[in-house]
Amino acid sequence: MPELHLYDVLLRPVITEESQRLMELNQYVFEVARDANKPQIKTAVETIFDVTVVKVNTMVMPAKRGMRGRNEYWRKTEWKKAIVTLAEGDTIEMFNV
Protein backbone atom coordinates (compact mmCIF):
# COMPACT_ATOMS: atom_id res chain seq x y z
CA MET A 1 0.00 0.00 0.00
CA PRO A 2 1.55 3.35 -1.02
CA GLU A 3 2.03 5.96 1.66
CA LEU A 4 -0.54 8.76 1.40
CA HIS A 5 0.63 12.37 1.28
CA LEU A 6 -0.43 14.43 4.28
CA TYR A 7 -2.95 16.48 2.30
CA ASP A 8 -4.40 13.41 0.56
CA VAL A 9 -5.61 11.91 3.85
CA LEU A 10 -8.26 14.53 4.67
CA LEU A 11 -10.69 15.06 1.78
CA ARG A 12 -13.25 17.47 3.27
CA PRO A 13 -14.90 18.47 6.54
CA VAL A 14 -18.39 17.08 7.11
CA ILE A 15 -20.81 19.80 8.22
CA THR A 16 -24.17 18.37 9.33
CA GLU A 17 -26.48 18.84 12.30
CA GLU A 18 -24.93 15.81 13.96
CA SER A 19 -21.38 17.09 13.43
CA GLN A 20 -22.40 20.49 14.86
CA ARG A 21 -23.55 18.72 18.06
CA LEU A 22 -20.28 16.76 18.19
CA MET A 23 -18.29 20.01 18.06
CA GLU A 24 -19.72 20.87 21.48
CA LEU A 25 -17.93 17.71 22.71
CA ASN A 26 -14.70 18.84 20.96
CA GLN A 27 -15.11 16.24 18.20
CA TYR A 28 -14.75 17.06 14.49
CA VAL A 29 -15.87 15.00 11.50
CA PHE A 30 -13.93 14.59 8.23
CA GLU A 31 -14.29 12.58 5.06
CA VAL A 32 -10.97 10.78 4.67
CA ALA A 33 -9.29 8.62 2.04
CA ARG A 34 -10.55 5.02 1.99
CA ASP A 35 -7.07 3.58 2.58
CA ALA A 36 -6.09 6.02 5.36
CA ASN A 37 -5.56 4.51 8.80
CA LYS A 38 -5.97 6.09 12.25
CA PRO A 39 -2.30 7.08 12.79
CA GLN A 40 -2.22 8.77 9.37
CA ILE A 41 -5.45 10.67 10.14
CA LYS A 42 -4.12 11.74 13.54
CA THR A 43 -0.84 13.00 12.03
CA ALA A 44 -2.64 14.87 9.24
CA VAL A 45 -5.05 16.68 11.60
CA GLU A 46 -2.29 17.57 14.09
CA THR A 47 0.01 18.90 11.37
CA ILE A 48 -2.53 20.78 9.23
CA PHE A 49 -4.55 22.39 12.05
CA ASP A 50 -1.84 22.59 14.77
CA VAL A 51 -3.96 20.85 17.44
CA THR A 52 -3.53 17.82 19.72
CA VAL A 53 -5.60 14.76 18.78
CA VAL A 54 -6.66 12.50 21.64
CA LYS A 55 -8.69 9.89 19.75
CA VAL A 56 -9.70 8.94 16.19
CA ASN A 57 -12.77 6.85 15.33
CA THR A 58 -13.33 5.73 11.74
CA MET A 59 -16.26 4.16 9.92
CA VAL A 60 -17.12 3.30 6.34
CA MET A 61 -20.42 4.86 5.31
CA PRO A 62 -22.37 2.54 2.98
CA ALA A 63 -23.42 3.36 -0.57
CA LYS A 64 -26.97 4.67 -0.95
CA ARG A 65 -29.49 3.26 -3.37
CA GLY A 66 -31.98 5.38 -5.29
CA MET A 67 -35.19 4.49 -7.12
CA ARG A 68 -36.74 5.96 -10.26
CA GLY A 69 -39.98 4.10 -10.76
CA ARG A 70 -39.01 0.43 -10.81
CA ASN A 71 -35.40 1.14 -11.73
CA GLU A 72 -32.82 1.26 -9.00
CA TYR A 73 -29.41 2.91 -9.17
CA TRP A 74 -26.54 3.85 -6.85
CA ARG A 75 -26.64 7.55 -6.09
CA LYS A 76 -23.62 7.66 -3.80
CA THR A 77 -20.58 5.42 -3.38
CA GLU A 78 -19.04 4.21 -0.13
CA TRP A 79 -16.89 6.70 1.74
CA LYS A 80 -14.87 6.73 4.94
CA LYS A 81 -15.64 9.06 7.83
CA ALA A 82 -13.36 9.94 10.74
CA ILE A 83 -14.47 11.49 14.03
CA VAL A 84 -11.47 13.20 15.61
CA THR A 85 -11.49 14.07 19.32
CA LEU A 86 -9.22 16.99 20.24
CA ALA A 87 -7.54 17.76 23.55
CA GLU A 88 -9.32 20.07 25.97
CA GLY A 89 -8.98 23.69 24.89
CA ASP A 90 -8.08 22.94 21.24
CA THR A 91 -10.46 23.94 18.44
CA ILE A 92 -10.39 24.02 14.65
CA GLU A 93 -11.32 27.53 13.56
CA MET A 94 -12.50 26.42 10.11
CA PHE A 95 -15.53 24.78 11.73
CA ASN A 96 -16.42 27.78 13.92
CA VAL A 97 -17.84 30.00 11.21
PDB file of N, CA and C in Angstrom:
ATOM      1  N   MET A   1       0.847  -1.182   0.000  1.00  0.00           N
ATOM      2  CA  MET A   1       0.000   0.000   0.000  1.00  0.00           C
ATOM      3  C   MET A   1       0.893   1.246   0.000  1.00  0.00           C
ATOM      4  N   PRO A   2       0.714   2.146  -0.973  1.00  0.00           N
ATOM      5  CA  PRO A   2       1.554   3.346  -1.020  1.00  0.00           C
ATOM      6  C   PRO A   2       1.202   4.301   0.113  1.00  0.00           C
ATOM      7  N   GLU A   3       2.218   4.990   0.582  1.00  0.00           N
ATOM      8  CA  GLU A   3       2.031   5.964   1.658  1.00  0.00           C
ATOM      9  C   GLU A   3       1.279   7.182   1.116  1.00  0.00           C
ATOM     10  N   LEU A   4       0.235   7.598   1.816  1.00  0.00           N
ATOM     11  CA  LEU A   4      -0.539   8.764   1.402  1.00  0.00           C
ATOM     12  C   LEU A   4       0.188  10.044   1.792  1.00  0.00           C
ATOM     13  N   HIS A   5       0.099  11.043   0.946  1.00  0.00           N
ATOM     14  CA  HIS A   5       0.629  12.366   1.281  1.00  0.00           C
ATOM     15  C   HIS A   5      -0.266  12.968   2.353  1.00  0.00           C
ATOM     16  N   LEU A   6       0.286  13.824   3.160  1.00  0.00           N
ATOM     17  CA  LEU A   6      -0.427  14.430   4.284  1.00  0.00           C
ATOM     18  C   LEU A   6      -1.750  15.068   3.864  1.00  0.00           C
ATOM     19  N   TYR A   7      -1.745  15.777   2.741  1.00  0.00           N
ATOM     20  CA  TYR A   7      -2.947  16.478   2.301  1.00  0.00           C
ATOM     21  C   TYR A   7      -3.891  15.589   1.493  1.00  0.00           C
ATOM     22  N   ASP A   8      -3.508  14.356   1.224  1.00  0.00           N
ATOM     23  CA  ASP A   8      -4.404  13.413   0.557  1.00  0.00           C
ATOM     24  C   ASP A   8      -5.228  12.611   1.556  1.00  0.00           C
ATOM     25  N   VAL A   9      -4.884  12.672   2.829  1.00  0.00           N
ATOM     26  CA  VAL A   9      -5.605  11.906   3.848  1.00  0.00           C
ATOM     27  C   VAL A   9      -6.967  12.536   4.114  1.00  0.00           C
ATOM     28  N   LEU A  10      -7.006  13.838   4.387  1.00  0.00           N
ATOM     29  CA  LEU A  10      -8.261  14.533   4.665  1.00  0.00           C
ATOM     30  C   LEU A  10      -8.845  15.051   3.354  1.00  0.00           C
ATOM     31  N   LEU A  11     -10.064  14.633   3.033  1.00  0.00           N
ATOM     32  CA  LEU A  11     -10.689  15.059   1.785  1.00  0.00           C
ATOM     33  C   LEU A  11     -11.557  16.302   1.972  1.00  0.00           C
ATOM     34  N   ARG A  12     -12.393  16.310   3.018  1.00  0.00           N
ATOM     35  CA  ARG A  12     -13.252  17.467   3.267  1.00  0.00           C
ATOM     36  C   ARG A  12     -13.813  17.376   4.679  1.00  0.00           C
ATOM     37  N   PRO A  13     -14.184  18.513   5.270  1.00  0.00           N
ATOM     38  CA  PRO A  13     -14.904  18.466   6.541  1.00  0.00           C
ATOM     39  C   PRO A  13     -16.357  18.098   6.283  1.00  0.00           C
ATOM     40  N   VAL A  14     -16.979  17.441   7.222  1.00  0.00           N
ATOM     41  CA  VAL A  14     -18.386  17.078   7.106  1.00  0.00           C
ATOM     42  C   VAL A  14     -19.167  18.001   8.035  1.00  0.00           C
ATOM     43  N   ILE A  15     -20.020  18.843   7.450  1.00  0.00           N
ATOM     44  CA  ILE A  15     -20.811  19.801   8.224  1.00  0.00           C
ATOM     45  C   ILE A  15     -22.272  19.373   8.151  1.00  0.00           C
ATOM     46  N   THR A  16     -22.768  18.774   9.225  1.00  0.00           N
ATOM     47  CA  THR A  16     -24.167  18.368   9.327  1.00  0.00           C
ATOM     48  C   THR A  16     -24.665  18.762  10.709  1.00  0.00           C
ATOM     49  N   GLU A  17     -25.951  18.551  10.968  1.00  0.00           N
ATOM     50  CA  GLU A  17     -26.482  18.844  12.297  1.00  0.00           C
ATOM     51  C   GLU A  17     -25.805  17.975  13.353  1.00  0.00           C
ATOM     52  N   GLU A  18     -25.584  16.714  13.019  1.00  0.00           N
ATOM     53  CA  GLU A  18     -24.929  15.812  13.964  1.00  0.00           C
ATOM     54  C   GLU A  18     -23.496  16.258  14.246  1.00  0.00           C
ATOM     55  N   SER A  19     -22.766  16.663  13.212  1.00  0.00           N
ATOM     56  CA  SER A  19     -21.383  17.088  13.425  1.00  0.00           C
ATOM     57  C   SER A  19     -21.330  18.398  14.210  1.00  0.00           C
ATOM     58  N   GLN A  20     -22.343  19.254  14.064  1.00  0.00           N
ATOM     59  CA  GLN A  20     -22.403  20.486  14.860  1.00  0.00           C
ATOM     60  C   GLN A  20     -22.568  20.152  16.347  1.00  0.00           C
ATOM     61  N   ARG A  21     -23.381  19.141  16.655  1.00  0.00           N
ATOM     62  CA  ARG A  21     -23.546  18.719  18.058  1.00  0.00           C
ATOM     63  C   ARG A  21     -22.247  18.110  18.596  1.00  0.00           C
ATOM     64  N   LEU A  22     -21.536  17.371  17.750  1.00  0.00           N
ATOM     65  CA  LEU A  22     -20.281  16.758  18.192  1.00  0.00           C
ATOM     66  C   LEU A  22     -19.211  17.808  18.486  1.00  0.00           C
ATOM     67  N   MET A  23     -19.280  18.960  17.807  1.00  0.00           N
ATOM     68  CA  MET A  23     -18.289  20.010  18.056  1.00  0.00           C
ATOM     69  C   MET A  23     -18.390  20.542  19.482  1.00  0.00           C
ATOM     70  N   GLU A  24     -19.571  20.465  20.083  1.00  0.00           N
ATOM     71  CA  GLU A  24     -19.719  20.872  21.483  1.00  0.00           C
ATOM     72  C   GLU A  24     -18.940  19.938  22.404  1.00  0.00           C
ATOM     73  N   LEU A  25     -18.711  18.693  21.943  1.00  0.00           N
ATOM     74  CA  LEU A  25     -17.926  17.711  22.709  1.00  0.00           C
ATOM     75  C   LEU A  25     -16.472  17.697  22.276  1.00  0.00           C
ATOM     76  N   ASN A  26     -16.060  18.704  21.471  1.00  0.00           N
ATOM     77  CA  ASN A  26     -14.696  18.842  20.963  1.00  0.00           C
ATOM     78  C   ASN A  26     -14.332  17.711  20.005  1.00  0.00           C
ATOM     79  N   GLN A  27     -15.331  17.264  19.208  1.00  0.00           N
ATOM     80  CA  GLN A  27     -15.106  16.236  18.198  1.00  0.00           C
ATOM     81  C   GLN A  27     -15.429  16.823  16.830  1.00  0.00           C
ATOM     82  N   TYR A  28     -14.596  16.520  15.838  1.00  0.00           N
ATOM     83  CA  TYR A  28     -14.750  17.063  14.488  1.00  0.00           C
ATOM     84  C   TYR A  28     -14.814  15.912  13.501  1.00  0.00           C
ATOM     85  N   VAL A  29     -15.619  16.073  12.450  1.00  0.00           N
ATOM     86  CA  VAL A  29     -15.873  14.997  11.498  1.00  0.00           C
ATOM     87  C   VAL A  29     -15.267  15.361  10.138  1.00  0.00           C
ATOM     88  N   PHE A  30     -14.554  14.406   9.543  1.00  0.00           N
ATOM     89  CA  PHE A  30     -13.930  14.594   8.234  1.00  0.00           C
ATOM     90  C   PHE A  30     -14.237  13.409   7.344  1.00  0.00           C
ATOM     91  N   GLU A  31     -14.335  13.663   6.032  1.00  0.00           N
ATOM     92  CA  GLU A  31     -14.295  12.577   5.064  1.00  0.00           C
ATOM     93  C   GLU A  31     -12.820  12.350   4.761  1.00  0.00           C
ATOM     94  N   VAL A  32     -12.387  11.100   4.855  1.00  0.00           N
ATOM     95  CA  VAL A  32     -10.972  10.779   4.673  1.00  0.00           C
ATOM     96  C   VAL A  32     -10.813   9.771   3.543  1.00  0.00           C
ATOM     97  N   ALA A  33      -9.585   9.593   3.093  1.00  0.00           N
ATOM     98  CA  ALA A  33      -9.291   8.620   2.041  1.00  0.00           C
ATOM     99  C   ALA A  33      -9.628   7.219   2.535  1.00  0.00           C
ATOM    100  N   ARG A  34     -10.124   6.372   1.610  1.00  0.00           N
ATOM    101  CA  ARG A  34     -10.548   5.019   1.988  1.00  0.00           C
ATOM    102  C   ARG A  34      -9.407   4.187   2.564  1.00  0.00           C
ATOM    103  N   ASP A  35      -8.180   4.401   2.106  1.00  0.00           N
ATOM    104  CA  ASP A  35      -7.070   3.583   2.579  1.00  0.00           C
ATOM    105  C   ASP A  35      -6.261   4.268   3.682  1.00  0.00           C
ATOM    106  N   ALA A  36      -6.783   5.350   4.254  1.00  0.00           N
ATOM    107  CA  ALA A  36      -6.092   6.023   5.360  1.00  0.00           C
ATOM    108  C   ALA A  36      -6.381   5.285   6.667  1.00  0.00           C
ATOM    109  N   ASN A  37      -5.353   5.154   7.503  1.00  0.00           N
ATOM    110  CA  ASN A  37      -5.564   4.515   8.799  1.00  0.00           C
ATOM    111  C   ASN A  37      -5.551   5.572   9.912  1.00  0.00           C
ATOM    112  N   LYS A  38      -5.829   5.137  11.137  1.00  0.00           N
ATOM    113  CA  LYS A  38      -5.971   6.086  12.249  1.00  0.00           C
ATOM    114  C   LYS A  38      -4.695   6.888  12.543  1.00  0.00           C
ATOM    115  N   PRO A  39      -3.513   6.270  12.562  1.00  0.00           N
ATOM    116  CA  PRO A  39      -2.303   7.081  12.787  1.00  0.00           C
ATOM    117  C   PRO A  39      -2.071   8.130  11.703  1.00  0.00           C
ATOM    118  N   GLN A  40      -2.378   7.797  10.448  1.00  0.00           N
ATOM    119  CA  GLN A  40      -2.222   8.770   9.370  1.00  0.00           C
ATOM    120  C   GLN A  40      -3.204   9.930   9.535  1.00  0.00           C
ATOM    121  N   ILE A  41      -4.439   9.626   9.927  1.00  0.00           N
ATOM    122  CA  ILE A  41      -5.450  10.667  10.135  1.00  0.00           C
ATOM    123  C   ILE A  41      -5.037  11.568  11.285  1.00  0.00           C
ATOM    124  N   LYS A  42      -4.557  10.968  12.376  1.00  0.00           N
ATOM    125  CA  LYS A  42      -4.119  11.744  13.538  1.00  0.00           C
ATOM    126  C   LYS A  42      -2.983  12.691  13.154  1.00  0.00           C
ATOM    127  N   THR A  43      -1.979  12.176  12.446  1.00  0.00           N
ATOM    128  CA  THR A  43      -0.841  12.997  12.031  1.00  0.00           C
ATOM    129  C   THR A  43      -1.280  14.130  11.117  1.00  0.00           C
ATOM    130  N   ALA A  44      -2.181  13.845  10.182  1.00  0.00           N
ATOM    131  CA  ALA A  44      -2.643  14.865   9.238  1.00  0.00           C
ATOM    132  C   ALA A  44      -3.378  15.988   9.964  1.00  0.00           C
ATOM    133  N   VAL A  45      -4.281  15.653  10.882  1.00  0.00           N
ATOM    134  CA  VAL A  45      -5.046  16.684  11.599  1.00  0.00           C
ATOM    135  C   VAL A  45      -4.127  17.504  12.496  1.00  0.00           C
ATOM    136  N   GLU A  46      -3.209  16.842  13.198  1.00  0.00           N
ATOM    137  CA  GLU A  46      -2.295  17.569  14.086  1.00  0.00           C
ATOM    138  C   GLU A  46      -1.380  18.505  13.304  1.00  0.00           C
ATOM    139  N   THR A  47      -0.914  18.078  12.153  1.00  0.00           N
ATOM    140  CA  THR A  47       0.007  18.898  11.368  1.00  0.00           C
ATOM    141  C   THR A  47      -0.711  20.048  10.670  1.00  0.00           C
ATOM    142  N   ILE A  48      -1.830  19.758  10.024  1.00  0.00           N
ATOM    143  CA  ILE A  48      -2.525  20.778   9.233  1.00  0.00           C
ATOM    144  C   ILE A  48      -3.165  21.846  10.122  1.00  0.00           C
ATOM    145  N   PHE A  49      -3.804  21.440  11.225  1.00  0.00           N
ATOM    146  CA  PHE A  49      -4.553  22.388  12.054  1.00  0.00           C
ATOM    147  C   PHE A  49      -3.824  22.793  13.329  1.00  0.00           C
ATOM    148  N   ASP A  50      -2.643  22.247  13.596  1.00  0.00           N
ATOM    149  CA  ASP A  50      -1.838  22.587  14.771  1.00  0.00           C
ATOM    150  C   ASP A  50      -2.628  22.408  16.072  1.00  0.00           C
ATOM    151  N   VAL A  51      -3.195  21.204  16.245  1.00  0.00           N
ATOM    152  CA  VAL A  51      -3.955  20.847  17.443  1.00  0.00           C
ATOM    153  C   VAL A  51      -3.429  19.515  17.968  1.00  0.00           C
ATOM    154  N   THR A  52      -3.903  19.113  19.146  1.00  0.00           N
ATOM    155  CA  THR A  52      -3.533  17.824  19.724  1.00  0.00           C
ATOM    156  C   THR A  52      -4.723  16.879  19.626  1.00  0.00           C
ATOM    157  N   VAL A  53      -4.535  15.754  18.957  1.00  0.00           N
ATOM    158  CA  VAL A  53      -5.599  14.764  18.776  1.00  0.00           C
ATOM    159  C   VAL A  53      -5.496  13.726  19.878  1.00  0.00           C
ATOM    160  N   VAL A  54      -6.613  13.485  20.557  1.00  0.00           N
ATOM    161  CA  VAL A  54      -6.662  12.505  21.640  1.00  0.00           C
ATOM    162  C   VAL A  54      -7.105  11.143  21.110  1.00  0.00           C
ATOM    163  N   LYS A  55      -8.104  11.145  20.196  1.00  0.00           N
ATOM    164  CA  LYS A  55      -8.692   9.893  19.747  1.00  0.00           C
ATOM    165  C   LYS A  55      -9.216  10.044  18.325  1.00  0.00           C
ATOM    166  N   VAL A  56      -9.154   8.956  17.553  1.00  0.00           N
ATOM    167  CA  VAL A  56      -9.697   8.938  16.195  1.00  0.00           C
ATOM    168  C   VAL A  56     -10.595   7.719  16.048  1.00  0.00           C
ATOM    169  N   ASN A  57     -11.838   7.937  15.649  1.00  0.00           N
ATOM    170  CA  ASN A  57     -12.766   6.851  15.328  1.00  0.00           C
ATOM    171  C   ASN A  57     -13.047   6.911  13.832  1.00  0.00           C
ATOM    172  N   THR A  58     -13.046   5.753  13.172  1.00  0.00           N
ATOM    173  CA  THR A  58     -13.327   5.726  11.740  1.00  0.00           C
ATOM    174  C   THR A  58     -14.481   4.780  11.462  1.00  0.00           C
ATOM    175  N   MET A  59     -15.181   5.043  10.369  1.00  0.00           N
ATOM    176  CA  MET A  59     -16.257   4.163   9.923  1.00  0.00           C
ATOM    177  C   MET A  59     -16.435   4.327   8.423  1.00  0.00           C
ATOM    178  N   VAL A  60     -16.846   3.256   7.774  1.00  0.00           N
ATOM    179  CA  VAL A  60     -17.121   3.303   6.341  1.00  0.00           C
ATOM    180  C   VAL A  60     -18.623   3.473   6.181  1.00  0.00           C
ATOM    181  N   MET A  61     -19.008   4.571   5.533  1.00  0.00           N
ATOM    182  CA  MET A  61     -20.419   4.861   5.309  1.00  0.00           C
ATOM    183  C   MET A  61     -20.858   4.104   4.052  1.00  0.00           C
ATOM    184  N   PRO A  62     -21.971   3.376   4.113  1.00  0.00           N
ATOM    185  CA  PRO A  62     -22.367   2.536   2.978  1.00  0.00           C
ATOM    186  C   PRO A  62     -22.885   3.359   1.800  1.00  0.00           C
ATOM    187  N   ALA A  63     -22.868   2.729   0.629  1.00  0.00           N
ATOM    188  CA  ALA A  63     -23.423   3.358  -0.569  1.00  0.00           C
ATOM    189  C   ALA A  63     -24.935   3.479  -0.401  1.00  0.00           C
ATOM    190  N   LYS A  64     -25.517   4.468  -1.046  1.00  0.00           N
ATOM    191  CA  LYS A  64     -26.969   4.668  -0.945  1.00  0.00           C
ATOM    192  C   LYS A  64     -27.614   4.332  -2.283  1.00  0.00           C
ATOM    193  N   ARG A  65     -28.774   3.702  -2.191  1.00  0.00           N
ATOM    194  CA  ARG A  65     -29.494   3.256  -3.373  1.00  0.00           C
ATOM    195  C   ARG A  65     -30.640   4.221  -3.647  1.00  0.00           C
ATOM    196  N   GLY A  66     -30.869   4.521  -4.901  1.00  0.00           N
ATOM    197  CA  GLY A  66     -31.980   5.379  -5.286  1.00  0.00           C
ATOM    198  C   GLY A  66     -32.946   4.623  -6.171  1.00  0.00           C
ATOM    199  N   MET A  67     -34.168   5.126  -6.280  1.00  0.00           N
ATOM    200  CA  MET A  67     -35.187   4.488  -7.116  1.00  0.00           C
ATOM    201  C   MET A  67     -35.790   5.527  -8.045  1.00  0.00           C
ATOM    202  N   ARG A  68     -35.981   5.169  -9.291  1.00  0.00           N
ATOM    203  CA  ARG A  68     -36.744   5.958 -10.258  1.00  0.00           C
ATOM    204  C   ARG A  68     -37.771   5.001 -10.850  1.00  0.00           C
ATOM    205  N   GLY A  69     -38.976   5.082 -10.345  1.00  0.00           N
ATOM    206  CA  GLY A  69     -39.982   4.096 -10.755  1.00  0.00           C
ATOM    207  C   GLY A  69     -39.575   2.727 -10.254  1.00  0.00           C
ATOM    208  N   ARG A  70     -39.454   1.773 -11.186  1.00  0.00           N
ATOM    209  CA  ARG A  70     -39.013   0.426 -10.807  1.00  0.00           C
ATOM    210  C   ARG A  70     -37.513   0.237 -10.990  1.00  0.00           C
ATOM    211  N   ASN A  71     -36.837   1.236 -11.487  1.00  0.00           N
ATOM    212  CA  ASN A  71     -35.398   1.135 -11.727  1.00  0.00           C
ATOM    213  C   ASN A  71     -34.625   1.620 -10.511  1.00  0.00           C
ATOM    214  N   GLU A  72     -33.653   0.837 -10.110  1.00  0.00           N
ATOM    215  CA  GLU A  72     -32.819   1.263  -8.995  1.00  0.00           C
ATOM    216  C   GLU A  72     -31.425   1.596  -9.500  1.00  0.00           C
ATOM    217  N   TYR A  73     -30.753   2.492  -8.799  1.00  0.00           N
ATOM    218  CA  TYR A  73     -29.414   2.913  -9.170  1.00  0.00           C
ATOM    219  C   TYR A  73     -28.687   3.331  -7.907  1.00  0.00           C
ATOM    220  N   TRP A  74     -27.353   3.415  -7.984  1.00  0.00           N
ATOM    221  CA  TRP A  74     -26.543   3.849  -6.847  1.00  0.00           C
ATOM    222  C   TRP A  74     -26.305   5.331  -6.972  1.00  0.00           C
ATOM    223  N   ARG A  75     -26.787   6.104  -6.002  1.00  0.00           N
ATOM    224  CA  ARG A  75     -26.643   7.554  -6.088  1.00  0.00           C
ATOM    225  C   ARG A  75     -25.446   8.073  -5.307  1.00  0.00           C
ATOM    226  N   LYS A  76     -24.813   7.244  -4.520  1.00  0.00           N
ATOM    227  CA  LYS A  76     -23.617   7.658  -3.802  1.00  0.00           C
ATOM    228  C   LYS A  76     -22.773   6.419  -3.521  1.00  0.00           C
ATOM    229  N   THR A  77     -21.466   6.553  -3.641  1.00  0.00           N
ATOM    230  CA  THR A  77     -20.578   5.424  -3.383  1.00  0.00           C
ATOM    231  C   THR A  77     -20.197   5.397  -1.896  1.00  0.00           C
ATOM    232  N   GLU A  78     -19.535   4.300  -1.504  1.00  0.00           N
ATOM    233  CA  GLU A  78     -19.044   4.205  -0.132  1.00  0.00           C
ATOM    234  C   GLU A  78     -17.982   5.269   0.115  1.00  0.00           C
ATOM    235  N   TRP A  79     -17.928   5.750   1.374  1.00  0.00           N
ATOM    236  CA  TRP A  79     -16.894   6.701   1.743  1.00  0.00           C
ATOM    237  C   TRP A  79     -16.531   6.483   3.203  1.00  0.00           C
ATOM    238  N   LYS A  80     -15.360   6.951   3.583  1.00  0.00           N
ATOM    239  CA  LYS A  80     -14.866   6.733   4.941  1.00  0.00           C
ATOM    240  C   LYS A  80     -14.951   8.020   5.738  1.00  0.00           C
ATOM    241  N   LYS A  81     -15.459   7.906   6.950  1.00  0.00           N
ATOM    242  CA  LYS A  81     -15.644   9.056   7.830  1.00  0.00           C
ATOM    243  C   LYS A  81     -14.780   8.879   9.071  1.00  0.00           C
ATOM    244  N   ALA A  82     -14.168   9.972   9.523  1.00  0.00           N
ATOM    245  CA  ALA A  82     -13.356   9.939  10.739  1.00  0.00           C
ATOM    246  C   ALA A  82     -13.891  10.982  11.705  1.00  0.00           C
ATOM    247  N   ILE A  83     -14.094  10.566  12.957  1.00  0.00           N
ATOM    248  CA  ILE A  83     -14.470  11.487  14.033  1.00  0.00           C
ATOM    249  C   ILE A  83     -13.236  11.661  14.898  1.00  0.00           C
ATOM    250  N   VAL A  84     -12.726  12.898  14.936  1.00  0.00           N
ATOM    251  CA  VAL A  84     -11.468  13.205  15.608  1.00  0.00           C
ATOM    252  C   VAL A  84     -11.771  13.957  16.893  1.00  0.00           C
ATOM    253  N   THR A  85     -11.320  13.421  18.026  1.00  0.00           N
ATOM    254  CA  THR A  85     -11.487  14.073  19.318  1.00  0.00           C
ATOM    255  C   THR A  85     -10.214  14.843  19.644  1.00  0.00           C
ATOM    256  N   LEU A  86     -10.373  16.133  19.937  1.00  0.00           N
ATOM    257  CA  LEU A  86      -9.223  16.986  20.244  1.00  0.00           C
ATOM    258  C   LEU A  86      -9.034  17.113  21.749  1.00  0.00           C
ATOM    259  N   ALA A  87      -7.844  17.532  22.139  1.00  0.00           N
ATOM    260  CA  ALA A  87      -7.541  17.762  23.545  1.00  0.00           C
ATOM    261  C   ALA A  87      -8.360  18.947  24.053  1.00  0.00           C
ATOM    262  N   GLU A  88      -8.564  18.987  25.341  1.00  0.00           N
ATOM    263  CA  GLU A  88      -9.319  20.072  25.974  1.00  0.00           C
ATOM    264  C   GLU A  88      -8.673  21.415  25.660  1.00  0.00           C
ATOM    265  N   GLY A  89      -9.479  22.358  25.186  1.00  0.00           N
ATOM    266  CA  GLY A  89      -8.983  23.691  24.885  1.00  0.00           C
ATOM    267  C   GLY A  89      -8.589  23.894  23.432  1.00  0.00           C
ATOM    268  N   ASP A  90      -8.412  22.818  22.664  1.00  0.00           N
ATOM    269  CA  ASP A  90      -8.084  22.941  21.240  1.00  0.00           C
ATOM    270  C   ASP A  90      -9.363  23.027  20.415  1.00  0.00           C
ATOM    271  N   THR A  91      -9.346  23.861  19.377  1.00  0.00           N
ATOM    272  CA  THR A  91     -10.457  23.937  18.439  1.00  0.00           C
ATOM    273  C   THR A  91      -9.897  24.099  17.025  1.00  0.00           C
ATOM    274  N   ILE A  92     -10.732  23.789  16.044  1.00  0.00           N
ATOM    275  CA  ILE A  92     -10.390  24.018  14.648  1.00  0.00           C
ATOM    276  C   ILE A  92     -11.248  25.181  14.177  1.00  0.00           C
ATOM    277  N   GLU A  93     -10.602  26.292  13.874  1.00  0.00           N
ATOM    278  CA  GLU A  93     -11.319  27.529  13.559  1.00  0.00           C
ATOM    279  C   GLU A  93     -12.157  27.429  12.289  1.00  0.00           C
ATOM    280  N   MET A  94     -11.752  26.579  11.361  1.00  0.00           N
ATOM    281  CA  MET A  94     -12.501  26.419  10.112  1.00  0.00           C
ATOM    282  C   MET A  94     -13.948  26.017  10.379  1.00  0.00           C
ATOM    283  N   PHE A  95     -14.198  25.235  11.418  1.00  0.00           N
ATOM    284  CA  PHE A  95     -15.534  24.783  11.729  1.00  0.00           C
ATOM    285  C   PHE A  95     -16.354  25.857  12.451  1.00  0.00           C
ATOM    286  N   ASN A  96     -15.723  26.786  13.113  1.00  0.00           N
ATOM    287  CA  ASN A  96     -16.417  27.778  13.924  1.00  0.00           C
ATOM    288  C   ASN A  96     -16.730  29.037  13.112  1.00  0.00           C
ATOM    289  N   VAL A  97     -17.499  28.860  12.068  1.00  0.00           N
ATOM    290  CA  VAL A  97     -17.845  29.996  11.209  1.00  0.00           C
ATOM    291  C   VAL A  97     -19.188  30.545  11.601  1.00  0.00           C
TER     292      VAL A  97
END
